[in-house]
PDB file of N, CA and C in Angstrom:
ATOM      1  N   MET A   1     -41.197 -14.718  28.546  1.00  0.00           N
ATOM      2  CA  MET A   1     -39.875 -14.938  27.945  1.00  0.00           C
ATOM      3  C   MET A   1     -39.465 -16.407  28.061  1.00  0.00           C
ATOM      4  N   GLU A   2     -39.670 -16.971  29.249  1.00  0.00           N
ATOM      5  CA  GLU A   2     -39.254 -18.363  29.449  1.00  0.00           C
ATOM      6  C   GLU A   2     -40.052 -19.321  28.567  1.00  0.00           C
ATOM      7  N   ASP A   3     -41.358 -19.049  28.389  1.00  0.00           N
ATOM      8  CA  ASP A   3     -42.178 -19.897  27.522  1.00  0.00           C
ATOM      9  C   ASP A   3     -41.699 -19.820  26.078  1.00  0.00           C
ATOM     10  N   GLU A   4     -41.370 -18.610  25.628  1.00  0.00           N
ATOM     11  CA  GLU A   4     -40.868 -18.434  24.267  1.00  0.00           C
ATOM     12  C   GLU A   4     -39.547 -19.192  24.093  1.00  0.00           C
ATOM     13  N   TYR A   5     -38.683 -19.114  25.100  1.00  0.00           N
ATOM     14  CA  TYR A   5     -37.404 -19.820  25.057  1.00  0.00           C
ATOM     15  C   TYR A   5     -37.620 -21.331  24.952  1.00  0.00           C
ATOM     16  N   LYS A   6     -38.490 -21.871  25.808  1.00  0.00           N
ATOM     17  CA  LYS A   6     -38.773 -23.316  25.773  1.00  0.00           C
ATOM     18  C   LYS A   6     -39.314 -23.740  24.417  1.00  0.00           C
ATOM     19  N   GLU A   7     -40.205 -22.935  23.852  1.00  0.00           N
ATOM     20  CA  GLU A   7     -40.813 -23.252  22.563  1.00  0.00           C
ATOM     21  C   GLU A   7     -39.763 -23.228  21.446  1.00  0.00           C
ATOM     22  N   ILE A   8     -38.890 -22.246  21.454  1.00  0.00           N
ATOM     23  CA  ILE A   8     -37.888 -22.140  20.395  1.00  0.00           C
ATOM     24  C   ILE A   8     -36.862 -23.265  20.503  1.00  0.00           C
ATOM     25  N   VAL A   9     -36.511 -23.662  21.724  1.00  0.00           N
ATOM     26  CA  VAL A   9     -35.588 -24.788  21.914  1.00  0.00           C
ATOM     27  C   VAL A   9     -36.258 -26.086  21.438  1.00  0.00           C
ATOM     28  N   ARG A  10     -37.558 -26.227  21.701  1.00  0.00           N
ATOM     29  CA  ARG A  10     -38.291 -27.405  21.240  1.00  0.00           C
ATOM     30  C   ARG A  10     -38.285 -27.467  19.707  1.00  0.00           C
ATOM     31  N   LYS A  11     -38.553 -26.327  19.063  1.00  0.00           N
ATOM     32  CA  LYS A  11     -38.544 -26.271  17.592  1.00  0.00           C
ATOM     33  C   LYS A  11     -37.154 -26.600  17.048  1.00  0.00           C
ATOM     34  N   PHE A  12     -36.123 -26.053  17.686  1.00  0.00           N
ATOM     35  CA  PHE A  12     -34.749 -26.323  17.276  1.00  0.00           C
ATOM     36  C   PHE A  12     -34.467 -27.832  17.336  1.00  0.00           C
ATOM     37  N   ASN A  13     -34.790 -28.447  18.470  1.00  0.00           N
ATOM     38  CA  ASN A  13     -34.528 -29.873  18.633  1.00  0.00           C
ATOM     39  C   ASN A  13     -35.344 -30.723  17.666  1.00  0.00           C
ATOM     40  N   GLU A  14     -36.541 -30.261  17.360  1.00  0.00           N
ATOM     41  CA  GLU A  14     -37.417 -30.971  16.423  1.00  0.00           C
ATOM     42  C   GLU A  14     -36.768 -31.082  15.038  1.00  0.00           C
ATOM     43  N   ILE A  15     -36.122 -30.031  14.599  1.00  0.00           N
ATOM     44  CA  ILE A  15     -35.474 -30.078  13.280  1.00  0.00           C
ATOM     45  C   ILE A  15     -34.041 -30.615  13.374  1.00  0.00           C
ATOM     46  N   TYR A  16     -33.338 -30.279  14.465  1.00  0.00           N
ATOM     47  CA  TYR A  16     -31.929 -30.670  14.591  1.00  0.00           C
ATOM     48  C   TYR A  16     -31.742 -32.168  14.819  1.00  0.00           C
ATOM     49  N   ASN A  17     -32.504 -32.771  15.712  1.00  0.00           N
ATOM     50  CA  ASN A  17     -32.258 -34.170  16.088  1.00  0.00           C
ATOM     51  C   ASN A  17     -32.324 -35.164  14.925  1.00  0.00           C
ATOM     52  N   PRO A  18     -33.350 -35.105  14.070  1.00  0.00           N
ATOM     53  CA  PRO A  18     -33.335 -36.038  12.919  1.00  0.00           C
ATOM     54  C   PRO A  18     -32.154 -35.792  11.976  1.00  0.00           C
ATOM     55  N   LEU A  19     -31.799 -34.513  11.778  1.00  0.00           N
ATOM     56  CA  LEU A  19     -30.655 -34.182  10.915  1.00  0.00           C
ATOM     57  C   LEU A  19     -29.350 -34.649  11.555  1.00  0.00           C
ATOM     58  N   ARG A  20     -29.257 -34.498  12.872  1.00  0.00           N
ATOM     59  CA  ARG A  20     -28.056 -34.934  13.604  1.00  0.00           C
ATOM     60  C   ARG A  20     -27.814 -36.419  13.381  1.00  0.00           C
ATOM     61  N   LYS A  21     -28.855 -37.199  13.496  1.00  0.00           N
ATOM     62  CA  LYS A  21     -28.718 -38.650  13.322  1.00  0.00           C
ATOM     63  C   LYS A  21     -28.412 -39.010  11.870  1.00  0.00           C
ATOM     64  N   ARG A  22     -29.098 -38.364  10.955  1.00  0.00           N
ATOM     65  CA  ARG A  22     -28.966 -38.719   9.533  1.00  0.00           C
ATOM     66  C   ARG A  22     -27.629 -38.299   8.927  1.00  0.00           C
ATOM     67  N   TYR A  23     -27.134 -37.119   9.315  1.00  0.00           N
ATOM     68  CA  TYR A  23     -25.938 -36.555   8.672  1.00  0.00           C
ATOM     69  C   TYR A  23     -24.747 -36.445   9.618  1.00  0.00           C
ATOM     70  N   ASN A  24     -24.815 -37.079  10.777  1.00  0.00           N
ATOM     71  CA  ASN A  24     -23.721 -37.098  11.740  1.00  0.00           C
ATOM     72  C   ASN A  24     -23.282 -35.672  12.109  1.00  0.00           C
ATOM     73  N   LEU A  25     -24.230 -34.913  12.654  1.00  0.00           N
ATOM     74  CA  LEU A  25     -23.961 -33.531  13.045  1.00  0.00           C
ATOM     75  C   LEU A  25     -23.687 -33.465  14.541  1.00  0.00           C
ATOM     76  N   ARG A  26     -22.928 -32.462  14.932  1.00  0.00           N
ATOM     77  CA  ARG A  26     -22.692 -32.189  16.350  1.00  0.00           C
ATOM     78  C   ARG A  26     -22.816 -30.693  16.574  1.00  0.00           C
ATOM     79  N   SER A  27     -23.368 -30.338  17.731  1.00  0.00           N
ATOM     80  CA  SER A  27     -23.580 -28.919  18.016  1.00  0.00           C
ATOM     81  C   SER A  27     -22.741 -28.470  19.199  1.00  0.00           C
ATOM     82  N   HIS A  28     -22.453 -27.193  19.192  1.00  0.00           N
ATOM     83  CA  HIS A  28     -21.789 -26.538  20.321  1.00  0.00           C
ATOM     84  C   HIS A  28     -22.635 -25.309  20.621  1.00  0.00           C
ATOM     85  N   ILE A  29     -23.189 -25.257  21.838  1.00  0.00           N
ATOM     86  CA  ILE A  29     -24.049 -24.147  22.220  1.00  0.00           C
ATOM     87  C   ILE A  29     -23.462 -23.490  23.468  1.00  0.00           C
ATOM     88  N   HIS A  30     -23.231 -22.186  23.352  1.00  0.00           N
ATOM     89  CA  HIS A  30     -22.645 -21.436  24.472  1.00  0.00           C
ATOM     90  C   HIS A  30     -23.547 -20.252  24.783  1.00  0.00           C
ATOM     91  N   SER A  31     -24.021 -20.204  26.010  1.00  0.00           N
ATOM     92  CA  SER A  31     -24.827 -19.086  26.457  1.00  0.00           C
ATOM     93  C   SER A  31     -24.123 -18.457  27.655  1.00  0.00           C
ATOM     94  N   SER A  32     -23.830 -17.185  27.549  1.00  0.00           N
ATOM     95  CA  SER A  32     -23.076 -16.499  28.591  1.00  0.00           C
ATOM     96  C   SER A  32     -23.997 -15.752  29.545  1.00  0.00           C
ATOM     97  N   ILE A  33     -23.607 -15.716  30.802  1.00  0.00           N
ATOM     98  CA  ILE A  33     -24.361 -14.922  31.774  1.00  0.00           C
ATOM     99  C   ILE A  33     -23.925 -13.460  31.750  1.00  0.00           C
ATOM    100  N   TYR A  34     -22.867 -13.160  31.014  1.00  0.00           N
ATOM    101  CA  TYR A  34     -22.339 -11.799  30.956  1.00  0.00           C
ATOM    102  C   TYR A  34     -22.892 -11.057  29.751  1.00  0.00           C
ATOM    103  N   GLU A  35     -23.334  -9.842  29.969  1.00  0.00           N
ATOM    104  CA  GLU A  35     -23.899  -9.025  28.896  1.00  0.00           C
ATOM    105  C   GLU A  35     -22.903  -8.767  27.766  1.00  0.00           C
ATOM    106  N   SER A  36     -21.629  -8.646  28.122  1.00  0.00           N
ATOM    107  CA  SER A  36     -20.619  -8.274  27.128  1.00  0.00           C
ATOM    108  C   SER A  36     -20.259  -9.443  26.202  1.00  0.00           C
ATOM    109  N   GLU A  37     -20.598 -10.663  26.583  1.00  0.00           N
ATOM    110  CA  GLU A  37     -20.264 -11.830  25.755  1.00  0.00           C
ATOM    111  C   GLU A  37     -21.456 -12.232  24.905  1.00  0.00           C
ATOM    112  N   ASP A  38     -21.184 -12.582  23.644  1.00  0.00           N
ATOM    113  CA  ASP A  38     -22.231 -13.067  22.758  1.00  0.00           C
ATOM    114  C   ASP A  38     -22.531 -14.532  23.041  1.00  0.00           C
ATOM    115  N   ASP A  39     -23.776 -14.925  22.754  1.00  0.00           N
ATOM    116  CA  ASP A  39     -24.166 -16.328  22.799  1.00  0.00           C
ATOM    117  C   ASP A  39     -23.855 -16.935  21.433  1.00  0.00           C
ATOM    118  N   LEU A  40     -23.675 -18.251  21.417  1.00  0.00           N
ATOM    119  CA  LEU A  40     -23.185 -18.901  20.193  1.00  0.00           C
ATOM    120  C   LEU A  40     -23.817 -20.275  20.004  1.00  0.00           C
ATOM    121  N   ILE A  41     -24.188 -20.569  18.757  1.00  0.00           N
ATOM    122  CA  ILE A  41     -24.568 -21.923  18.357  1.00  0.00           C
ATOM    123  C   ILE A  41     -23.765 -22.255  17.108  1.00  0.00           C
ATOM    124  N   GLU A  42     -23.040 -23.370  17.178  1.00  0.00           N
ATOM    125  CA  GLU A  42     -22.327 -23.895  16.007  1.00  0.00           C
ATOM    126  C   GLU A  42     -22.788 -25.327  15.789  1.00  0.00           C
ATOM    127  N   ILE A  43     -22.952 -25.687  14.527  1.00  0.00           N
ATOM    128  CA  ILE A  43     -23.274 -27.070  14.179  1.00  0.00           C
ATOM    129  C   ILE A  43     -22.314 -27.497  13.073  1.00  0.00           C
ATOM    130  N   TRP A  44     -21.689 -28.653  13.301  1.00  0.00           N
ATOM    131  CA  TRP A  44     -20.669 -29.164  12.396  1.00  0.00           C
ATOM    132  C   TRP A  44     -21.067 -30.526  11.856  1.00  0.00           C
ATOM    133  N   GLU A  45     -20.681 -30.788  10.599  1.00  0.00           N
ATOM    134  CA  GLU A  45     -20.774 -32.142  10.046  1.00  0.00           C
ATOM    135  C   GLU A  45     -19.540 -32.911  10.512  1.00  0.00           C
ATOM    136  N   TYR A  46     -19.729 -34.168  10.823  1.00  0.00           N
ATOM    137  CA  TYR A  46     -18.609 -35.030  11.207  1.00  0.00           C
ATOM    138  C   TYR A  46     -18.557 -36.231  10.285  1.00  0.00           C
ATOM    139  N   ASN A  47     -17.338 -36.688  10.009  1.00  0.00           N
ATOM    140  CA  ASN A  47     -17.111 -37.938   9.289  1.00  0.00           C
ATOM    141  C   ASN A  47     -16.385 -38.844  10.270  1.00  0.00           C
ATOM    142  N   GLY A  48     -17.122 -39.731  10.939  1.00  0.00           N
ATOM    143  CA  GLY A  48     -16.535 -40.491  12.038  1.00  0.00           C
ATOM    144  C   GLY A  48     -16.238 -39.535  13.174  1.00  0.00           C
ATOM    145  N   GLU A  49     -14.984 -39.474  13.596  1.00  0.00           N
ATOM    146  CA  GLU A  49     -14.584 -38.541  14.656  1.00  0.00           C
ATOM    147  C   GLU A  49     -13.915 -37.289  14.098  1.00  0.00           C
ATOM    148  N   THR A  50     -13.885 -37.150  12.782  1.00  0.00           N
ATOM    149  CA  THR A  50     -13.228 -36.012  12.141  1.00  0.00           C
ATOM    150  C   THR A  50     -14.239 -34.913  11.859  1.00  0.00           C
ATOM    151  N   ARG A  51     -13.975 -33.715  12.385  1.00  0.00           N
ATOM    152  CA  ARG A  51     -14.871 -32.590  12.155  1.00  0.00           C
ATOM    153  C   ARG A  51     -14.742 -32.129  10.718  1.00  0.00           C
ATOM    154  N   GLY A  52     -15.879 -31.927  10.096  1.00  0.00           N
ATOM    155  CA  GLY A  52     -15.914 -31.467   8.709  1.00  0.00           C
ATOM    156  C   GLY A  52     -16.381 -30.033   8.623  1.00  0.00           C
ATOM    157  N   LYS A  53     -17.367 -29.808   7.765  1.00  0.00           N
ATOM    158  CA  LYS A  53     -17.848 -28.471   7.450  1.00  0.00           C
ATOM    159  C   LYS A  53     -18.739 -27.914   8.564  1.00  0.00           C
ATOM    160  N   CYS A  54     -18.553 -26.626   8.851  1.00  0.00           N
ATOM    161  CA  CYS A  54     -19.443 -25.916   9.780  1.00  0.00           C
ATOM    162  C   CYS A  54     -20.680 -25.503   8.988  1.00  0.00           C
ATOM    163  N   ILE A  55     -21.854 -25.994   9.402  1.00  0.00           N
ATOM    164  CA  ILE A  55     -23.070 -25.672   8.647  1.00  0.00           C
ATOM    165  C   ILE A  55     -23.898 -24.566   9.296  1.00  0.00           C
ATOM    166  N   VAL A  56     -23.679 -24.325  10.591  1.00  0.00           N
ATOM    167  CA  VAL A  56     -24.365 -23.231  11.287  1.00  0.00           C
ATOM    168  C   VAL A  56     -23.370 -22.574  12.236  1.00  0.00           C
ATOM    169  N   ARG A  57     -23.312 -21.245  12.190  1.00  0.00           N
ATOM    170  CA  ARG A  57     -22.534 -20.496  13.186  1.00  0.00           C
ATOM    171  C   ARG A  57     -23.277 -19.196  13.428  1.00  0.00           C
ATOM    172  N   GLU A  58     -24.009 -19.176  14.514  1.00  0.00           N
ATOM    173  CA  GLU A  58     -24.805 -18.002  14.872  1.00  0.00           C
ATOM    174  C   GLU A  58     -24.292 -17.408  16.169  1.00  0.00           C
ATOM    175  N   LYS A  59     -23.974 -16.140  16.126  1.00  0.00           N
ATOM    176  CA  LYS A  59     -23.474 -15.421  17.293  1.00  0.00           C
ATOM    177  C   LYS A  59     -24.358 -14.196  17.478  1.00  0.00           C
ATOM    178  N   GLU A  60     -25.052 -14.145  18.606  1.00  0.00           N
ATOM    179  CA  GLU A  60     -25.985 -13.051  18.883  1.00  0.00           C
ATOM    180  C   GLU A  60     -25.854 -12.650  20.345  1.00  0.00           C
ATOM    181  N   THR A  61     -26.425 -11.507  20.692  1.00  0.00           N
ATOM    182  CA  THR A  61     -26.413 -11.085  22.095  1.00  0.00           C
ATOM    183  C   THR A  61     -27.423 -11.886  22.914  1.00  0.00           C
ATOM    184  N   GLU A  62     -28.461 -12.425  22.274  1.00  0.00           N
ATOM    185  CA  GLU A  62     -29.481 -13.228  22.961  1.00  0.00           C
ATOM    186  C   GLU A  62     -29.495 -14.643  22.402  1.00  0.00           C
ATOM    187  N   ILE A  63     -29.470 -15.647  23.276  1.00  0.00           N
ATOM    188  CA  ILE A  63     -29.447 -17.043  22.836  1.00  0.00           C
ATOM    189  C   ILE A  63     -30.699 -17.395  22.037  1.00  0.00           C
ATOM    190  N   ILE A  64     -31.810 -16.784  22.362  1.00  0.00           N
ATOM    191  CA  ILE A  64     -33.052 -17.079  21.643  1.00  0.00           C
ATOM    192  C   ILE A  64     -32.931 -16.683  20.168  1.00  0.00           C
ATOM    193  N   ASP A  65     -32.211 -15.585  19.897  1.00  0.00           N
ATOM    194  CA  ASP A  65     -31.979 -15.169  18.508  1.00  0.00           C
ATOM    195  C   ASP A  65     -31.065 -16.158  17.789  1.00  0.00           C
ATOM    196  N   CYS A  66     -30.092 -16.712  18.502  1.00  0.00           N
ATOM    197  CA  CYS A  66     -29.231 -17.752  17.929  1.00  0.00           C
ATOM    198  C   CYS A  66     -30.077 -18.944  17.489  1.00  0.00           C
ATOM    199  N   TYR A  67     -30.965 -19.379  18.378  1.00  0.00           N
ATOM    200  CA  TYR A  67     -31.820 -20.526  18.055  1.00  0.00           C
ATOM    201  C   TYR A  67     -32.703 -20.245  16.848  1.00  0.00           C
ATOM    202  N   LYS A  68     -33.307 -19.063  16.796  1.00  0.00           N
ATOM    203  CA  LYS A  68     -34.191 -18.717  15.677  1.00  0.00           C
ATOM    204  C   LYS A  68     -33.439 -18.765  14.353  1.00  0.00           C
ATOM    205  N   ARG A  69     -32.264 -18.177  14.321  1.00  0.00           N
ATOM    206  CA  ARG A  69     -31.482 -18.154  13.073  1.00  0.00           C
ATOM    207  C   ARG A  69     -30.941 -19.536  12.738  1.00  0.00           C
ATOM    208  N   ALA A  70     -30.565 -20.305  13.764  1.00  0.00           N
ATOM    209  CA  ALA A  70     -30.075 -21.670  13.539  1.00  0.00           C
ATOM    210  C   ALA A  70     -31.179 -22.545  12.944  1.00  0.00           C
ATOM    211  N   ILE A  71     -32.416 -22.360  13.391  1.00  0.00           N
ATOM    212  CA  ILE A  71     -33.544 -23.116  12.840  1.00  0.00           C
ATOM    213  C   ILE A  71     -33.667 -22.843  11.345  1.00  0.00           C
ATOM    214  N   ASP A  72     -33.603 -21.568  10.949  1.00  0.00           N
ATOM    215  CA  ASP A  72     -33.685 -21.212   9.525  1.00  0.00           C
ATOM    216  C   ASP A  72     -32.548 -21.851   8.729  1.00  0.00           C
ATOM    217  N   GLU A  73     -31.341 -21.801   9.283  1.00  0.00           N
ATOM    218  CA  GLU A  73     -30.199 -22.387   8.583  1.00  0.00           C
ATOM    219  C   GLU A  73     -30.329 -23.903   8.465  1.00  0.00           C
ATOM    220  N   LEU A  74     -30.840 -24.548   9.512  1.00  0.00           N
ATOM    221  CA  LEU A  74     -31.034 -26.004   9.462  1.00  0.00           C
ATOM    222  C   LEU A  74     -32.087 -26.387   8.425  1.00  0.00           C
ATOM    223  N   LYS A  75     -33.134 -25.584   8.314  1.00  0.00           N
ATOM    224  CA  LYS A  75     -34.160 -25.846   7.284  1.00  0.00           C
ATOM    225  C   LYS A  75     -33.546 -25.763   5.894  1.00  0.00           C
ATOM    226  N   ASN A  76     -32.716 -24.747   5.668  1.00  0.00           N
ATOM    227  CA  ASN A  76     -32.037 -24.602   4.371  1.00  0.00           C
ATOM    228  C   ASN A  76     -31.085 -25.771   4.121  1.00  0.00           C
ATOM    229  N   TYR A  77     -30.339 -26.163   5.146  1.00  0.00           N
ATOM    230  CA  TYR A  77     -29.401 -27.288   5.041  1.00  0.00           C
ATOM    231  C   TYR A  77     -30.155 -28.556   4.677  1.00  0.00           C
ATOM    232  N   LYS A  78     -31.264 -28.812   5.356  1.00  0.00           N
ATOM    233  CA  LYS A  78     -32.077 -30.010   5.091  1.00  0.00           C
ATOM    234  C   LYS A  78     -32.559 -30.015   3.640  1.00  0.00           C
ATOM    235  N   GLN A  79     -33.061 -28.872   3.181  1.00  0.00           N
ATOM    236  CA  GLN A  79     -33.567 -28.766   1.809  1.00  0.00           C
ATOM    237  C   GLN A  79     -32.455 -29.017   0.789  1.00  0.00           C
ATOM    238  N   GLU A  80     -31.281 -28.409   1.011  1.00  0.00           N
ATOM    239  CA  GLU A  80     -30.159 -28.598   0.089  1.00  0.00           C
ATOM    240  C   GLU A  80     -29.716 -30.059   0.050  1.00  0.00           C
ATOM    241  N   ARG A  81     -29.597 -30.692   1.217  1.00  0.00           N
ATOM    242  CA  ARG A  81     -29.167 -32.090   1.280  1.00  0.00           C
ATOM    243  C   ARG A  81     -30.172 -33.003   0.581  1.00  0.00           C
ATOM    244  N   GLU A  82     -31.470 -32.763   0.797  1.00  0.00           N
ATOM    245  CA  GLU A  82     -32.493 -33.590   0.178  1.00  0.00           C
ATOM    246  C   GLU A  82     -32.523 -33.411  -1.330  1.00  0.00           C
ATOM    247  N   GLU A  83     -32.341 -32.159  -1.785  1.00  0.00           N
ATOM    248  CA  GLU A  83     -32.299 -31.907  -3.229  1.00  0.00           C
ATOM    249  C   GLU A  83     -31.109 -32.620  -3.856  1.00  0.00           C
ATOM    250  N   LYS A  84     -29.960 -32.588  -3.188  1.00  0.00           N
ATOM    251  CA  LYS A  84     -28.766 -33.284  -3.677  1.00  0.00           C
ATOM    252  C   LYS A  84     -29.016 -34.783  -3.776  1.00  0.00           C
ATOM    253  N   GLU A  85     -29.609 -35.341  -2.718  1.00  0.00           N
ATOM    254  CA  GLU A  85     -29.867 -36.779  -2.680  1.00  0.00           C
ATOM    255  C   GLU A  85     -30.891 -37.186  -3.720  1.00  0.00           C
ATOM    256  N   HIS A  86     -31.942 -36.398  -3.901  1.00  0.00           N
ATOM    257  CA  HIS A  86     -32.949 -36.721  -4.906  1.00  0.00           C
ATOM    258  C   HIS A  86     -32.373 -36.585  -6.309  1.00  0.00           C
ATOM    259  N   GLY A  87     -31.511 -35.592  -6.503  1.00  0.00           N
ATOM    260  CA  GLY A  87     -30.842 -35.419  -7.788  1.00  0.00           C
ATOM    261  C   GLY A  87     -29.970 -36.609  -8.120  1.00  0.00           C
ATOM    262  N   ARG A  88     -29.258 -37.110  -7.107  1.00  0.00           N
ATOM    263  CA  ARG A  88     -28.368 -38.257  -7.274  1.00  0.00           C
ATOM    264  C   ARG A  88     -29.179 -39.523  -7.576  1.00  0.00           C
ATOM    265  N   SER A  89     -30.278 -39.741  -6.831  1.00  0.00           N
ATOM    266  CA  SER A  89     -31.070 -40.948  -7.045  1.00  0.00           C
ATOM    267  C   SER A  89     -31.808 -40.883  -8.388  1.00  0.00           C
ATOM    268  N   ALA A  90     -32.190 -39.678  -8.831  1.00  0.00           N
ATOM    269  CA  ALA A  90     -32.827 -39.537 -10.148  1.00  0.00           C
ATOM    270  C   ALA A  90     -31.816 -39.820 -11.253  1.00  0.00           C
ATOM    271  N   ALA A  91     -30.567 -39.398 -11.047  1.00  0.00           N
ATOM    272  CA  ALA A  91     -29.521 -39.661 -12.043  1.00  0.00           C
ATOM    273  C   ALA A  91     -29.222 -41.161 -12.117  1.00  0.00           C
ATOM    274  N   MET A  92     -29.209 -41.822 -10.978  1.00  0.00           N
ATOM    275  CA  MET A  92     -28.939 -43.264 -10.958  1.00  0.00           C
ATOM    276  C   MET A  92     -30.074 -44.039 -11.616  1.00  0.00           C
ATOM    277  N   ALA A  93     -31.311 -43.586 -11.440  1.00  0.00           N
ATOM    278  CA  ALA A  93     -32.468 -44.290 -11.992  1.00  0.00           C
ATOM    279  C   ALA A  93     -32.533 -44.118 -13.523  1.00  0.00           C
ATOM    280  N   GLY A  94     -31.958 -43.013 -13.994  1.00  0.00           N
ATOM    281  CA  GLY A  94     -32.096 -42.683 -15.422  1.00  0.00           C
ATOM    282  C   GLY A  94     -31.176 -43.372 -16.298  1.00  0.00           C
TER     283      GLY A  94
END
């Protein structure tokens, strides 16, 4: 279990960190020791110090499931942002 957790956190950071720097993202990760409380990962876009759009909000009973779903959402976010940027640069070139 611990190895799987370390691996999933590594994968999360691998995709999150470059996006965090490029798009000014900030994360909030809450893992509870209590069974009755859900674990949570939220990732927000920021404009300077102003919080913008929430791009990931995963609430699960297991933190590892939060990370897995957050990774999928970050991949989708990255793809959408890149498509937007390529669309914009293609329009400018044309």
